[in-house]
Amino acid sequence: MRLLDEDEAANPALSVVNLIDVFLVLLAALLISIAQNPINPFLGNDVMVIKNPGQQDMEIVIKKGEKIETYKSTREIGAGEGVKAGVAYRMPDGSIIYVPDDTPEGAAPAPAAN
């Protein structure tokens, strides 16, 4: 019955098991700290993230509540029909002012005074 009399302190397998336990605890602490990071963009309710802006592989990820939508760039120009909604003006200080067009649909806008 030599196995029953074996000293547990001399068994190298127990040291390896203890190291694995320590690494698992450290890994769990790291994952929790990453999830609670305040600059994590997915902590808010409504979030929009743009990956690689202006590149061929640009991607937009939009999170609204629990719903996540992903849009990928196809580099195609959109087309459609629409009506003029207003005019945007760039001011001398660099700010932009939007003036909505309040003319009824189908009516011609009033000529601008010069």
Protein backbone atom coordinates (compact mmCIF):
# COMPACT_ATOMS: atom_id res chain seq x y z
CA MET A 1 0.00 0.00 0.00
CA ARG A 2 2.66 2.40 -1.00
CA LEU A 3 0.16 4.78 -2.75
CA LEU A 4 -1.70 5.52 0.47
CA ASP A 5 1.49 6.48 2.27
CA GLU A 6 2.64 8.92 -0.47
CA ASP A 7 3.32 12.46 0.72
CA GLU A 8 0.99 15.04 -0.92
CA ALA A 9 3.62 17.79 -0.72
CA ALA A 10 5.96 15.83 -3.00
CA ASN A 11 3.34 15.28 -5.73
CA PRO A 12 4.08 17.67 -8.67
CA ALA A 13 0.58 17.24 -10.16
CA LEU A 14 -0.94 19.10 -7.22
CA SER A 15 1.25 22.14 -7.91
CA VAL A 16 0.07 22.26 -11.52
CA VAL A 17 -3.56 22.07 -10.43
CA ASN A 18 -2.99 24.97 -8.02
CA LEU A 19 -1.41 27.07 -10.81
CA ILE A 20 -4.39 26.40 -13.08
CA ASP A 21 -6.74 27.56 -10.32
CA VAL A 22 -4.78 30.79 -9.88
CA PHE A 23 -4.85 31.48 -13.64
CA LEU A 24 -8.60 30.87 -13.80
CA VAL A 25 -9.19 33.38 -11.02
CA LEU A 26 -6.97 35.96 -12.78
CA LEU A 27 -8.76 35.36 -16.08
CA ALA A 28 -12.18 35.84 -14.47
CA ALA A 29 -11.02 39.10 -12.83
CA LEU A 30 -9.69 40.36 -16.19
CA LEU A 31 -12.94 39.56 -17.99
CA ILE A 32 -14.99 41.33 -15.31
CA SER A 33 -12.78 44.42 -15.48
CA ILE A 34 -13.08 44.56 -19.29
CA ALA A 35 -16.87 44.21 -19.15
CA GLN A 36 -17.18 47.02 -16.56
CA ASN A 37 -14.82 49.38 -18.43
CA PRO A 38 -16.51 52.82 -18.71
CA ILE A 39 -15.25 53.36 -22.26
CA ASN A 40 -16.87 50.17 -23.50
CA PRO A 41 -19.16 51.47 -26.29
CA PHE A 42 -21.77 48.76 -25.76
CA LEU A 43 -22.64 49.70 -22.17
CA GLY A 44 -25.11 52.44 -23.20
CA ASN A 45 -28.65 51.85 -24.44
CA ASP A 46 -28.26 53.51 -27.87
CA VAL A 47 -24.81 53.42 -29.47
CA MET A 48 -23.40 53.89 -32.99
CA VAL A 49 -19.87 52.69 -33.78
CA ILE A 50 -18.17 53.38 -37.14
CA LYS A 51 -15.32 51.02 -37.94
CA ASN A 52 -12.69 52.08 -40.51
CA PRO A 53 -14.40 55.34 -41.61
CA GLY A 54 -13.85 56.18 -45.27
CA GLN A 55 -12.14 52.86 -46.04
CA GLN A 56 -13.27 50.10 -48.41
CA ASP A 57 -14.24 47.87 -45.47
CA MET A 58 -16.13 50.56 -43.50
CA GLU A 59 -18.78 49.15 -41.17
CA ILE A 60 -21.45 50.82 -39.03
CA VAL A 61 -22.76 49.03 -35.92
CA ILE A 62 -25.92 50.48 -34.35
CA LYS A 63 -27.24 49.28 -30.99
CA LYS A 64 -30.73 50.39 -29.94
CA GLY A 65 -31.67 48.82 -26.62
CA GLU A 66 -31.21 45.07 -27.12
CA LYS A 67 -31.22 45.19 -30.95
CA ILE A 68 -27.89 45.37 -32.83
CA GLU A 69 -27.77 46.15 -36.58
CA THR A 70 -24.68 46.07 -38.80
CA TYR A 71 -24.27 47.92 -42.10
CA LYS A 72 -21.30 47.34 -44.41
CA SER A 73 -20.09 49.73 -47.09
CA THR A 74 -20.79 48.65 -50.67
CA ARG A 75 -19.23 51.77 -52.23
CA GLU A 76 -22.37 52.29 -54.32
CA ILE A 77 -23.99 55.69 -54.61
CA GLY A 78 -27.56 55.80 -53.33
CA ALA A 79 -30.38 57.11 -55.50
CA GLY A 80 -34.00 57.93 -54.92
CA GLU A 81 -36.65 60.59 -55.03
CA GLY A 82 -37.16 63.32 -52.52
CA VAL A 83 -38.08 66.93 -51.90
CA LYS A 84 -35.99 69.81 -50.70
CA ALA A 85 -36.21 69.97 -46.91
CA GLY A 86 -34.32 73.21 -46.32
CA VAL A 87 -31.03 74.98 -46.75
CA ALA A 88 -27.82 74.82 -44.73
CA TYR A 89 -25.54 77.87 -44.46
CA ARG A 90 -21.92 77.94 -43.26
CA MET A 91 -21.31 81.07 -41.19
CA PRO A 92 -17.99 83.02 -41.18
CA ASP A 93 -17.12 81.53 -37.76
CA GLY A 94 -17.38 77.97 -39.20
CA SER A 95 -20.73 77.05 -37.65
CA ILE A 96 -23.51 75.65 -39.82
CA ILE A 97 -27.12 76.83 -39.61
CA TYR A 98 -29.98 74.78 -41.06
CA VAL A 99 -33.09 76.66 -42.19
CA PRO A 100 -36.01 74.29 -42.82
CA ASP A 101 -38.12 74.82 -45.92
CA ASP A 102 -41.67 75.52 -44.74
CA THR A 103 -43.31 75.80 -48.17
CA PRO A 104 -46.12 73.31 -48.77
CA GLU A 105 -45.21 70.26 -50.85
CA GLY A 106 -45.60 70.93 -54.55
CA ALA A 107 -45.59 74.73 -54.15
CA ALA A 108 -42.74 76.76 -55.60
CA PRO A 109 -40.50 78.40 -53.00
CA ALA A 110 -40.61 82.18 -52.72
CA PRO A 111 -37.81 83.98 -54.58
CA ALA A 112 -34.94 85.16 -52.39
CA ALA A 113 -34.61 88.90 -51.82
CA ASN A 114 -31.30 90.37 -52.96
